[in-house]
Amino acid sequence: MDLAHITPPDGMRESEISVSWVEPRGFIVTRSKGVKRTVENLAKNADMIRDLSGGVPLPVLVFLTDSPLPDKKARELSARLLPELYSAMAMVSRPGLAQMVTNIIFRFRKPPIPMRSFKEEHEAVKWLLNYTTKSIP
């Protein structure tokens, strides 16, 4: 299934920085938007993710897109929110983008959750399913 290009299902949520929904296999799918991350829009997006997940950290499949570099406060907030919102993160992007995002946010420390980047969606989903609590259909 091509989750990057399907029409988001009922129950999807949209914020200034992403479109997200819970996939039936037990993980969140997020399509990022090319918008600069700020403390304000990150906080609103976090509220949206909490609403989607019922406040329980779930694995997330993120389709990254190029966006302007966030400021230091936004990077620090993003790093703090990550383990509150997600239990693992698979990032699908053009080569190098996911590594750049990870390096910007976690420059001098190890990410607090399992994170991995992929070029192909099917590889990302296969890896991410190791972190779901639902059985594979």
Protein backbone atom coordinates (compact mmCIF):
# COMPACT_ATOMS: atom_id res chain seq x y z
CA MET A 1 0.00 0.00 0.00
CA ASP A 2 1.28 3.46 -0.85
CA LEU A 3 0.55 5.40 2.34
CA ALA A 4 2.42 8.46 1.08
CA HIS A 5 -0.11 9.02 -1.69
CA ILE A 6 -3.43 7.60 -0.52
CA THR A 7 -6.29 9.86 0.45
CA PRO A 8 -6.15 10.13 4.24
CA PRO A 9 -8.92 8.09 5.84
CA ASP A 10 -11.74 9.28 8.08
CA GLY A 11 -10.28 10.22 11.43
CA MET A 12 -7.26 11.95 9.96
CA ARG A 13 -6.10 15.18 11.58
CA GLU A 14 -4.32 18.13 10.03
CA SER A 15 -2.11 20.76 11.61
CA GLU A 16 0.03 23.52 10.18
CA ILE A 17 2.99 21.13 9.89
CA SER A 18 1.45 17.72 9.09
CA VAL A 19 -1.43 15.49 8.11
CA SER A 20 -1.68 12.41 10.37
CA TRP A 21 -3.87 9.38 11.01
CA VAL A 22 -3.72 6.05 12.82
CA GLU A 23 -3.15 3.14 10.45
CA PRO A 24 -5.13 -0.05 11.28
CA ARG A 25 -1.88 -1.97 11.86
CA GLY A 26 -1.24 0.10 14.98
CA PHE A 27 0.97 3.01 13.97
CA ILE A 28 0.56 6.69 13.12
CA VAL A 29 1.17 7.85 9.55
CA THR A 30 2.36 11.43 9.20
CA ARG A 31 2.92 13.42 6.04
CA SER A 32 5.06 16.40 6.95
CA LYS A 33 4.55 19.77 5.29
CA GLY A 34 7.30 22.11 4.13
CA VAL A 35 6.60 24.63 6.89
CA LYS A 36 9.12 26.00 9.38
CA ARG A 37 8.71 24.33 12.78
CA THR A 38 8.10 26.76 15.64
CA VAL A 39 7.41 26.24 19.33
CA GLU A 40 3.78 27.19 18.67
CA ASN A 41 3.08 24.90 15.73
CA LEU A 42 4.99 22.00 17.31
CA ALA A 43 2.89 22.32 20.48
CA LYS A 44 -0.35 22.36 18.46
CA ASN A 45 0.82 19.36 16.44
CA ALA A 46 1.68 17.49 19.66
CA ASP A 47 -1.87 18.10 20.93
CA MET A 48 -3.20 16.71 17.65
CA ILE A 49 -1.03 13.57 17.93
CA ARG A 50 -2.10 13.03 21.56
CA ASP A 51 -5.73 13.27 20.43
CA LEU A 52 -5.12 10.71 17.66
CA SER A 53 -3.30 8.25 19.90
CA GLY A 54 -5.38 8.66 23.04
CA GLY A 55 -2.26 9.95 24.78
CA VAL A 56 -0.40 6.65 24.31
CA PRO A 57 2.96 6.80 22.48
CA LEU A 58 2.66 4.84 19.22
CA PRO A 59 5.13 4.05 16.46
CA VAL A 60 5.08 6.60 13.63
CA LEU A 61 5.79 6.38 9.91
CA VAL A 62 6.85 9.86 8.78
CA PHE A 63 7.07 11.00 5.18
CA LEU A 64 9.54 13.87 5.43
CA THR A 65 9.64 16.84 3.14
CA ASP A 66 12.09 19.70 2.94
CA SER A 67 11.29 22.53 5.34
CA PRO A 68 13.15 25.55 6.71
CA LEU A 69 15.59 24.98 9.58
CA PRO A 70 13.84 25.41 12.97
CA ASP A 71 15.31 27.65 15.64
CA LYS A 72 16.98 26.29 18.77
CA LYS A 73 13.88 26.45 20.99
CA ALA A 74 11.82 24.54 18.40
CA ARG A 75 14.56 21.89 18.08
CA GLU A 76 14.71 21.48 21.87
CA LEU A 77 10.92 21.16 22.12
CA SER A 78 10.86 18.62 19.30
CA ALA A 79 13.47 16.51 21.10
CA ARG A 80 11.48 16.65 24.37
CA LEU A 81 8.16 15.79 22.72
CA LEU A 82 9.43 12.84 20.71
CA PRO A 83 9.29 10.14 23.46
CA GLU A 84 6.02 11.56 24.82
CA LEU A 85 4.29 11.11 21.46
CA TYR A 86 6.00 8.17 19.76
CA SER A 87 7.50 4.80 20.67
CA ALA A 88 9.53 4.40 17.44
CA MET A 89 9.99 6.43 14.26
CA ALA A 90 10.52 5.29 10.68
CA MET A 91 11.33 8.19 8.36
CA VAL A 92 10.85 7.93 4.61
CA SER A 93 12.58 10.61 2.57
CA ARG A 94 14.98 11.42 -0.19
CA PRO A 95 18.52 10.26 0.62
CA GLY A 96 20.15 12.32 3.36
CA LEU A 97 17.11 14.27 4.57
CA ALA A 98 16.23 11.99 7.50
CA GLN A 99 19.84 11.92 8.69
CA MET A 100 19.98 15.71 8.52
CA VAL A 101 16.76 16.03 10.57
CA THR A 102 18.04 13.57 13.18
CA ASN A 103 21.41 15.34 13.40
CA ILE A 104 19.75 18.74 13.83
CA ILE A 105 17.48 17.60 16.67
CA PHE A 106 19.85 15.17 18.41
CA ARG A 107 23.21 16.72 17.62
CA PHE A 108 24.98 15.71 20.83
CA ARG A 109 22.81 12.92 22.21
CA LYS A 110 21.27 9.62 21.24
CA PRO A 111 17.60 9.72 20.17
CA PRO A 112 15.31 8.59 23.02
CA ILE A 113 13.33 6.17 20.83
CA PRO A 114 14.30 3.77 18.04
CA MET A 115 14.65 5.81 14.83
CA ARG A 116 15.60 4.72 11.36
CA SER A 117 15.50 6.25 7.90
CA PHE A 118 14.37 4.56 4.71
CA LYS A 119 14.11 5.31 1.01
CA GLU A 120 11.26 2.84 0.51
CA GLU A 121 7.94 2.83 2.35
CA HIS A 122 7.58 -0.98 2.42
CA GLU A 123 10.93 -1.34 4.20
CA ALA A 124 9.94 1.33 6.74
CA VAL A 125 6.59 -0.35 7.46
CA LYS A 126 8.23 -3.76 7.86
CA TRP A 127 10.68 -2.33 10.42
CA LEU A 128 8.01 -0.28 12.22
CA LEU A 129 5.70 -3.27 12.67
CA ASN A 130 8.29 -4.65 15.12
CA TYR A 131 7.22 -1.84 17.48
CA THR A 132 3.43 -2.16 17.25
CA THR A 133 1.29 -3.98 19.76
CA LYS A 134 -1.27 -5.05 17.14
CA SER A 135 -0.86 -8.22 15.16
CA ILE A 136 -0.14 -7.97 11.45
CA PRO A 137 -3.27 -8.64 9.38
